[in-house]
Amino acid sequence: MSNEILDKLSDVVVKGKIKEAKPLAEQALAAGVDPKIIIFDSLSKAMATVGQKYESKQYFLPQVLLAAQTMYQALDVVLPRMKVDTKAKQPGKIVLAVVEGDVHDIGKNILKAMLTGAGLTIYDLGRDVPVKNIIEKAKAESAQIIATSTLMTSTLVAMREIERMLAEENLKGKMKTIIGGGATNKEYSAQIGTDAWAHDAIEAVRVIDDLLA
């Protein structure tokens, strides 16, 4: 039964049926489905499908944005019910952004909600953010961590550029970097020299906690 609701919710997001998202998310919670499962097994999966459709030119930007709005309708219902598992005692300042060329920000927004819940200070620059703006904001706020994501392989180069610019300005190590998103992996993280990689927002909260410690 709960799987049926999750599949339906996923389908609603992919098709951008905005009015159906909230009731289905409420139904899933009422059926006792863990908020994490709703987010990662249904909503994230749906947006990954949308991302693939966008990359293969089956979808264009209007469909992607409609799917994202639909997903946020469900997310608004689910996020407040999510328990944040963190030991973040130390205050931290984190700059969050989806790199230039990418508009997929579900992971970033989930992470933002969870980190805010953990009592950290978050500077959310949004999506499609130029590298220069990310570095400038991090310097202006004396942030300890820069967290960026992308779901598209075509925009991975921006993450490499962040590492290059930090090295150039002698900030590598002083400012820690973490990357995530569907197009990234541990190997790429090691290759470009980031401090950390996380496969989803829940892992990212733990990893950021360790980086701050």
C-alpha atoms as a PDB file:
ATOM      1  CA  MET A   1       0.000   0.000   0.000  1.00  0.00           C
ATOM      2  CA  SER A   2       2.676   2.512   1.014  1.00  0.00           C
ATOM      3  CA  ASN A   3       4.774   1.561  -2.060  1.00  0.00           C
ATOM      4  CA  GLU A   4       1.763   2.296  -4.210  1.00  0.00           C
ATOM      5  CA  ILE A   5       1.449   5.795  -2.690  1.00  0.00           C
ATOM      6  CA  LEU A   6       5.191   6.444  -3.170  1.00  0.00           C
ATOM      7  CA  ASP A   7       5.073   5.357  -6.824  1.00  0.00           C
ATOM      8  CA  LYS A   8       2.032   7.532  -7.397  1.00  0.00           C
ATOM      9  CA  LEU A   9       3.703  10.526  -5.737  1.00  0.00           C
ATOM     10  CA  SER A  10       6.798  10.004  -7.859  1.00  0.00           C
ATOM     11  CA  ASP A  11       4.683   9.866 -11.013  1.00  0.00           C
ATOM     12  CA  VAL A  12       2.806  13.034 -10.022  1.00  0.00           C
ATOM     13  CA  VAL A  13       6.119  14.903  -9.635  1.00  0.00           C
ATOM     14  CA  VAL A  14       7.513  13.679 -12.961  1.00  0.00           C
ATOM     15  CA  LYS A  15       4.305  14.743 -14.718  1.00  0.00           C
ATOM     16  CA  GLY A  16       4.076  18.043 -12.823  1.00  0.00           C
ATOM     17  CA  LYS A  17       0.557  17.435 -11.457  1.00  0.00           C
ATOM     18  CA  ILE A  18       0.964  20.162  -8.887  1.00  0.00           C
ATOM     19  CA  LYS A  19      -2.448  19.872  -7.153  1.00  0.00           C
ATOM     20  CA  GLU A  20      -2.013  16.181  -6.365  1.00  0.00           C
ATOM     21  CA  ALA A  21       1.339  16.380  -4.576  1.00  0.00           C
ATOM     22  CA  LYS A  22       0.322  17.655  -1.127  1.00  0.00           C
ATOM     23  CA  PRO A  23      -2.605  15.235  -0.612  1.00  0.00           C
ATOM     24  CA  LEU A  24      -0.423  12.275  -1.639  1.00  0.00           C
ATOM     25  CA  ALA A  25       2.403  13.323   0.693  1.00  0.00           C
ATOM     26  CA  GLU A  26      -0.122  13.628   3.534  1.00  0.00           C
ATOM     27  CA  GLN A  27      -1.512  10.215   2.630  1.00  0.00           C
ATOM     28  CA  ALA A  28       1.988   8.681   2.759  1.00  0.00           C
ATOM     29  CA  LEU A  29       2.661  10.176   6.203  1.00  0.00           C
ATOM     30  CA  ALA A  30      -0.749   9.032   7.430  1.00  0.00           C
ATOM     31  CA  ALA A  31       0.108   5.514   6.228  1.00  0.00           C
ATOM     32  CA  GLY A  32       3.156   5.656   8.500  1.00  0.00           C
ATOM     33  CA  VAL A  33       5.831   6.034   5.829  1.00  0.00           C
ATOM     34  CA  ASP A  34       9.080   7.492   7.199  1.00  0.00           C
ATOM     35  CA  PRO A  35       9.636  11.054   5.877  1.00  0.00           C
ATOM     36  CA  LYS A  36      13.173  10.061   4.758  1.00  0.00           C
ATOM     37  CA  ILE A  37      11.718   7.304   2.591  1.00  0.00           C
ATOM     38  CA  ILE A  38       9.181   9.690   1.041  1.00  0.00           C
ATOM     39  CA  ILE A  39      11.958  12.169   0.238  1.00  0.00           C
ATOM     40  CA  PHE A  40      14.608   9.786  -1.061  1.00  0.00           C
ATOM     41  CA  ASP A  41      12.606   6.875  -2.498  1.00  0.00           C
ATOM     42  CA  SER A  42       9.915   8.970  -4.094  1.00  0.00           C
ATOM     43  CA  LEU A  43      10.712  12.678  -4.511  1.00  0.00           C
ATOM     44  CA  SER A  44      14.451  12.446  -5.188  1.00  0.00           C
ATOM     45  CA  LYS A  45      13.921   9.525  -7.521  1.00  0.00           C
ATOM     46  CA  ALA A  46      11.280  11.503  -9.404  1.00  0.00           C
ATOM     47  CA  MET A  47      13.592  14.497  -9.819  1.00  0.00           C
ATOM     48  CA  ALA A  48      16.406  12.212 -11.001  1.00  0.00           C
ATOM     49  CA  THR A  49      14.026  10.947 -13.702  1.00  0.00           C
ATOM     50  CA  VAL A  50      13.160  14.538 -14.603  1.00  0.00           C
ATOM     51  CA  GLY A  51      16.897  15.323 -14.791  1.00  0.00           C
ATOM     52  CA  GLN A  52      17.434  12.415 -17.197  1.00  0.00           C
ATOM     53  CA  LYS A  53      14.511  13.543 -19.346  1.00  0.00           C
ATOM     54  CA  TYR A  54      15.992  17.042 -19.420  1.00  0.00           C
ATOM     55  CA  GLU A  55      19.446  15.796 -20.410  1.00  0.00           C
ATOM     56  CA  SER A  56      18.008  13.609 -23.172  1.00  0.00           C
ATOM     57  CA  LYS A  57      15.921  16.568 -24.451  1.00  0.00           C
ATOM     58  CA  GLN A  58      12.564  14.866 -23.722  1.00  0.00           C
ATOM     59  CA  TYR A  59      11.893  17.642 -21.218  1.00  0.00           C
ATOM     60  CA  PHE A  60      12.683  21.332 -21.417  1.00  0.00           C
ATOM     61  CA  LEU A  61      13.108  23.916 -18.673  1.00  0.00           C
ATOM     62  CA  PRO A  62       9.363  24.650 -18.173  1.00  0.00           C
ATOM     63  CA  GLN A  63       8.687  20.945 -17.468  1.00  0.00           C
ATOM     64  CA  VAL A  64      11.666  20.742 -15.106  1.00  0.00           C
ATOM     65  CA  LEU A  65      10.485  23.797 -13.170  1.00  0.00           C
ATOM     66  CA  LEU A  66       6.916  22.505 -12.996  1.00  0.00           C
ATOM     67  CA  ALA A  67       8.169  19.156 -11.664  1.00  0.00           C
ATOM     68  CA  ALA A  68      10.286  21.010  -9.077  1.00  0.00           C
ATOM     69  CA  GLN A  69       7.302  23.110  -7.942  1.00  0.00           C
ATOM     70  CA  THR A  70       5.240  19.927  -7.639  1.00  0.00           C
ATOM     71  CA  MET A  71       7.999  18.313  -5.603  1.00  0.00           C
ATOM     72  CA  TYR A  72       8.168  21.326  -3.258  1.00  0.00           C
ATOM     73  CA  GLN A  73       4.442  21.032  -2.552  1.00  0.00           C
ATOM     74  CA  ALA A  74       5.129  17.540  -1.186  1.00  0.00           C
ATOM     75  CA  LEU A  75       8.367  18.589   0.492  1.00  0.00           C
ATOM     76  CA  ASP A  76       6.556  21.327   2.453  1.00  0.00           C
ATOM     77  CA  VAL A  77       4.407  18.628   4.025  1.00  0.00           C
ATOM     78  CA  VAL A  78       7.190  16.117   4.662  1.00  0.00           C
ATOM     79  CA  LEU A  79      10.203  18.165   5.830  1.00  0.00           C
ATOM     80  CA  PRO A  80       8.698  19.425   9.110  1.00  0.00           C
ATOM     81  CA  ARG A  81       8.187  15.753  10.099  1.00  0.00           C
ATOM     82  CA  MET A  82      11.812  14.829   9.509  1.00  0.00           C
ATOM     83  CA  LYS A  83      14.029  14.197  12.499  1.00  0.00           C
ATOM     84  CA  VAL A  84      17.494  15.696  12.211  1.00  0.00           C
ATOM     85  CA  ASP A  85      20.177  13.317  13.377  1.00  0.00           C
ATOM     86  CA  THR A  86      23.257  15.377  14.158  1.00  0.00           C
ATOM     87  CA  LYS A  87      25.615  16.138  16.990  1.00  0.00           C
ATOM     88  CA  ALA A  88      26.527  19.580  15.607  1.00  0.00           C
ATOM     89  CA  LYS A  89      27.394  21.379  18.802  1.00  0.00           C
ATOM     90  CA  GLN A  90      29.903  23.664  17.119  1.00  0.00           C
ATOM     91  CA  PRO A  91      28.513  26.694  15.317  1.00  0.00           C
ATOM     92  CA  GLY A  92      29.306  26.662  11.623  1.00  0.00           C
ATOM     93  CA  LYS A  93      28.805  28.849   8.563  1.00  0.00           C
ATOM     94  CA  ILE A  94      28.064  27.064   5.332  1.00  0.00           C
ATOM     95  CA  VAL A  95      27.662  28.387   1.796  1.00  0.00           C
ATOM     96  CA  LEU A  96      25.269  26.219  -0.227  1.00  0.00           C
ATOM     97  CA  ALA A  97      24.816  26.372  -3.995  1.00  0.00           C
ATOM     98  CA  VAL A  98      23.907  24.419  -7.104  1.00  0.00           C
ATOM     99  CA  VAL A  99      26.697  25.165  -9.571  1.00  0.00           C
ATOM    100  CA  GLU A 100      26.338  27.247 -12.710  1.00  0.00           C
ATOM    101  CA  GLY A 101      24.421  25.552 -15.516  1.00  0.00           C
ATOM    102  CA  ASP A 102      22.233  23.371 -13.270  1.00  0.00           C
ATOM    103  CA  VAL A 103      18.788  24.147 -11.859  1.00  0.00           C
ATOM    104  CA  HIS A 104      18.149  20.913  -9.910  1.00  0.00           C
ATOM    105  CA  ASP A 105      18.044  21.934  -6.276  1.00  0.00           C
ATOM    106  CA  ILE A 106      15.998  19.336  -4.375  1.00  0.00           C
ATOM    107  CA  GLY A 107      19.089  17.927  -2.642  1.00  0.00           C
ATOM    108  CA  LYS A 108      20.362  21.369  -1.731  1.00  0.00           C
ATOM    109  CA  ASN A 109      16.999  22.400  -0.297  1.00  0.00           C
ATOM    110  CA  ILE A 110      16.661  19.247   1.790  1.00  0.00           C
ATOM    111  CA  LEU A 111      20.202  19.732   3.075  1.00  0.00           C
ATOM    112  CA  LYS A 112      19.497  23.386   3.861  1.00  0.00           C
ATOM    113  CA  ALA A 113      16.433  22.433   5.921  1.00  0.00           C
ATOM    114  CA  MET A 114      18.352  19.759   7.826  1.00  0.00           C
ATOM    115  CA  LEU A 115      21.414  21.929   8.510  1.00  0.00           C
ATOM    116  CA  THR A 116      19.224  24.836   9.621  1.00  0.00           C
ATOM    117  CA  GLY A 117      17.453  22.404  11.948  1.00  0.00           C
ATOM    118  CA  ALA A 118      20.863  21.447  13.328  1.00  0.00           C
ATOM    119  CA  GLY A 119      21.497  25.053  14.297  1.00  0.00           C
ATOM    120  CA  LEU A 120      24.077  25.957  11.641  1.00  0.00           C
ATOM    121  CA  THR A 121      24.175  29.261   9.738  1.00  0.00           C
ATOM    122  CA  ILE A 122      23.370  28.681   6.077  1.00  0.00           C
ATOM    123  CA  TYR A 123      23.950  31.050   3.163  1.00  0.00           C
ATOM    124  CA  ASP A 124      21.855  29.586   0.352  1.00  0.00           C
ATOM    125  CA  LEU A 125      22.889  31.084  -2.994  1.00  0.00           C
ATOM    126  CA  GLY A 126      20.292  29.075  -4.915  1.00  0.00           C
ATOM    127  CA  ARG A 127      20.812  27.299  -8.215  1.00  0.00           C
ATOM    128  CA  ASP A 128      22.800  28.036 -11.372  1.00  0.00           C
ATOM    129  CA  VAL A 129      25.403  30.014  -9.363  1.00  0.00           C
ATOM    130  CA  PRO A 130      28.690  31.186 -10.926  1.00  0.00           C
ATOM    131  CA  VAL A 131      31.832  29.933  -9.161  1.00  0.00           C
ATOM    132  CA  LYS A 132      33.067  33.502  -8.550  1.00  0.00           C
ATOM    133  CA  ASN A 133      29.890  34.325  -6.580  1.00  0.00           C
ATOM    134  CA  ILE A 134      30.262  31.192  -4.440  1.00  0.00           C
ATOM    135  CA  ILE A 135      33.876  32.016  -3.500  1.00  0.00           C
ATOM    136  CA  GLU A 136      33.111  35.701  -2.876  1.00  0.00           C
ATOM    137  CA  LYS A 137      30.201  34.865  -0.558  1.00  0.00           C
ATOM    138  CA  ALA A 138      32.283  32.324   1.364  1.00  0.00           C
ATOM    139  CA  LYS A 139      35.040  34.904   1.867  1.00  0.00           C
ATOM    140  CA  ALA A 140      32.604  37.686   2.823  1.00  0.00           C
ATOM    141  CA  GLU A 141      30.961  35.523   5.502  1.00  0.00           C
ATOM    142  CA  SER A 142      34.161  33.723   6.633  1.00  0.00           C
ATOM    143  CA  ALA A 143      32.390  30.429   5.948  1.00  0.00           C
ATOM    144  CA  GLN A 144      34.051  27.215   7.073  1.00  0.00           C
ATOM    145  CA  ILE A 145      32.420  25.076   4.392  1.00  0.00           C
ATOM    146  CA  ILE A 146      31.380  25.426   0.751  1.00  0.00           C
ATOM    147  CA  ALA A 147      28.810  22.785  -0.231  1.00  0.00           C
ATOM    148  CA  THR A 148      27.908  22.495  -3.917  1.00  0.00           C
ATOM    149  CA  SER A 149      25.847  20.056  -5.930  1.00  0.00           C
ATOM    150  CA  THR A 150      24.954  19.152  -9.479  1.00  0.00           C
ATOM    151  CA  LEU A 151      22.908  16.465 -11.192  1.00  0.00           C
ATOM    152  CA  MET A 152      24.465  17.120 -14.596  1.00  0.00           C
ATOM    153  CA  THR A 153      27.841  15.907 -15.836  1.00  0.00           C
ATOM    154  CA  SER A 154      28.156  18.987 -18.057  1.00  0.00           C
ATOM    155  CA  THR A 155      28.482  21.243 -14.992  1.00  0.00           C
ATOM    156  CA  LEU A 156      31.005  19.168 -12.996  1.00  0.00           C
ATOM    157  CA  VAL A 157      33.787  21.424 -14.257  1.00  0.00           C
ATOM    158  CA  ALA A 158      32.520  24.212 -11.958  1.00  0.00           C
ATOM    159  CA  MET A 159      33.391  22.101  -8.906  1.00  0.00           C
ATOM    160  CA  ARG A 160      36.942  21.645 -10.176  1.00  0.00           C
ATOM    161  CA  GLU A 161      37.115  25.421 -10.707  1.00  0.00           C
ATOM    162  CA  ILE A 162      36.126  26.053  -7.062  1.00  0.00           C
ATOM    163  CA  GLU A 163      39.090  23.945  -5.896  1.00  0.00           C
ATOM    164  CA  ARG A 164      41.407  25.772  -8.309  1.00  0.00           C
ATOM    165  CA  MET A 165      40.268  29.204  -7.120  1.00  0.00           C
ATOM    166  CA  LEU A 166      40.557  28.281  -3.438  1.00  0.00           C
ATOM    167  CA  ALA A 167      44.113  27.049  -4.047  1.00  0.00           C
ATOM    168  CA  GLU A 168      44.936  30.214  -5.969  1.00  0.00           C
ATOM    169  CA  GLU A 169      43.724  32.377  -3.082  1.00  0.00           C
ATOM    170  CA  ASN A 170      45.500  30.228  -0.512  1.00  0.00           C
ATOM    171  CA  LEU A 171      42.191  29.223   1.076  1.00  0.00           C
ATOM    172  CA  LYS A 172      42.331  25.457   0.529  1.00  0.00           C
ATOM    173  CA  GLY A 173      42.147  23.720   3.868  1.00  0.00           C
ATOM    174  CA  LYS A 174      40.976  26.900   5.596  1.00  0.00           C
ATOM    175  CA  MET A 175      37.639  26.546   3.817  1.00  0.00           C
ATOM    176  CA  LYS A 176      36.475  22.965   3.495  1.00  0.00           C
ATOM    177  CA  THR A 177      34.541  21.785   0.426  1.00  0.00           C
ATOM    178  CA  ILE A 178      31.924  19.083   0.042  1.00  0.00           C
ATOM    179  CA  ILE A 179      30.187  18.076  -3.180  1.00  0.00           C
ATOM    180  CA  GLY A 180      27.123  15.989  -3.920  1.00  0.00           C
ATOM    181  CA  GLY A 181      24.382  15.347  -6.451  1.00  0.00           C
ATOM    182  CA  GLY A 182      23.661  12.639  -9.007  1.00  0.00           C
ATOM    183  CA  ALA A 183      26.558  13.474 -11.338  1.00  0.00           C
ATOM    184  CA  THR A 184      29.197  13.312  -8.582  1.00  0.00           C
ATOM    185  CA  ASN A 185      30.933  10.398  -6.895  1.00  0.00           C
ATOM    186  CA  LYS A 186      33.751   9.649  -4.471  1.00  0.00           C
ATOM    187  CA  GLU A 187      36.250   9.189  -7.305  1.00  0.00           C
ATOM    188  CA  TYR A 188      35.509  12.578  -8.841  1.00  0.00           C
ATOM    189  CA  SER A 189      35.710  14.191  -5.404  1.00  0.00           C
ATOM    190  CA  ALA A 190      39.177  12.692  -4.859  1.00  0.00           C
ATOM    191  CA  GLN A 191      40.270  13.593  -8.386  1.00  0.00           C
ATOM    192  CA  ILE A 192      39.535  17.310  -8.013  1.00  0.00           C
ATOM    193  CA  GLY A 193      40.621  17.492  -4.362  1.00  0.00           C
ATOM    194  CA  THR A 194      37.449  18.302  -2.424  1.00  0.00           C
ATOM    195  CA  ASP A 195      37.462  17.602   1.310  1.00  0.00           C
ATOM    196  CA  ALA A 196      34.387  15.401   1.179  1.00  0.00           C
ATOM    197  CA  TRP A 197      31.594  13.862  -0.867  1.00  0.00           C
ATOM    198  CA  ALA A 198      28.143  12.714   0.216  1.00  0.00           C
ATOM    199  CA  HIS A 199      25.697  10.557  -1.718  1.00  0.00           C
ATOM    200  CA  ASP A 200      22.601  12.240  -0.244  1.00  0.00           C
ATOM    201  CA  ALA A 201      21.505  15.038   2.099  1.00  0.00           C
ATOM    202  CA  ILE A 202      21.335  12.783   5.162  1.00  0.00           C
ATOM    203  CA  GLU A 203      24.924  11.636   4.730  1.00  0.00           C
ATOM    204  CA  ALA A 204      25.940  15.241   3.982  1.00  0.00           C
ATOM    205  CA  VAL A 205      24.689  16.373   7.410  1.00  0.00           C
ATOM    206  CA  ARG A 206      26.952  13.808   9.112  1.00  0.00           C
ATOM    207  CA  VAL A 207      29.930  14.608   6.869  1.00  0.00           C
ATOM    208  CA  ILE A 208      29.575  18.372   7.445  1.00  0.00           C
ATOM    209  CA  ASP A 209      29.386  17.688  11.165  1.00  0.00           C
ATOM    210  CA  ASP A 210      32.735  15.850  10.930  1.00  0.00           C
ATOM    211  CA  LEU A 211      34.304  18.599   8.804  1.00  0.00           C
ATOM    212  CA  LEU A 212      33.324  21.213  11.395  1.00  0.00           C
ATOM    213  CA  ALA A 213      34.749  19.078  14.198  1.00  0.00           C
END
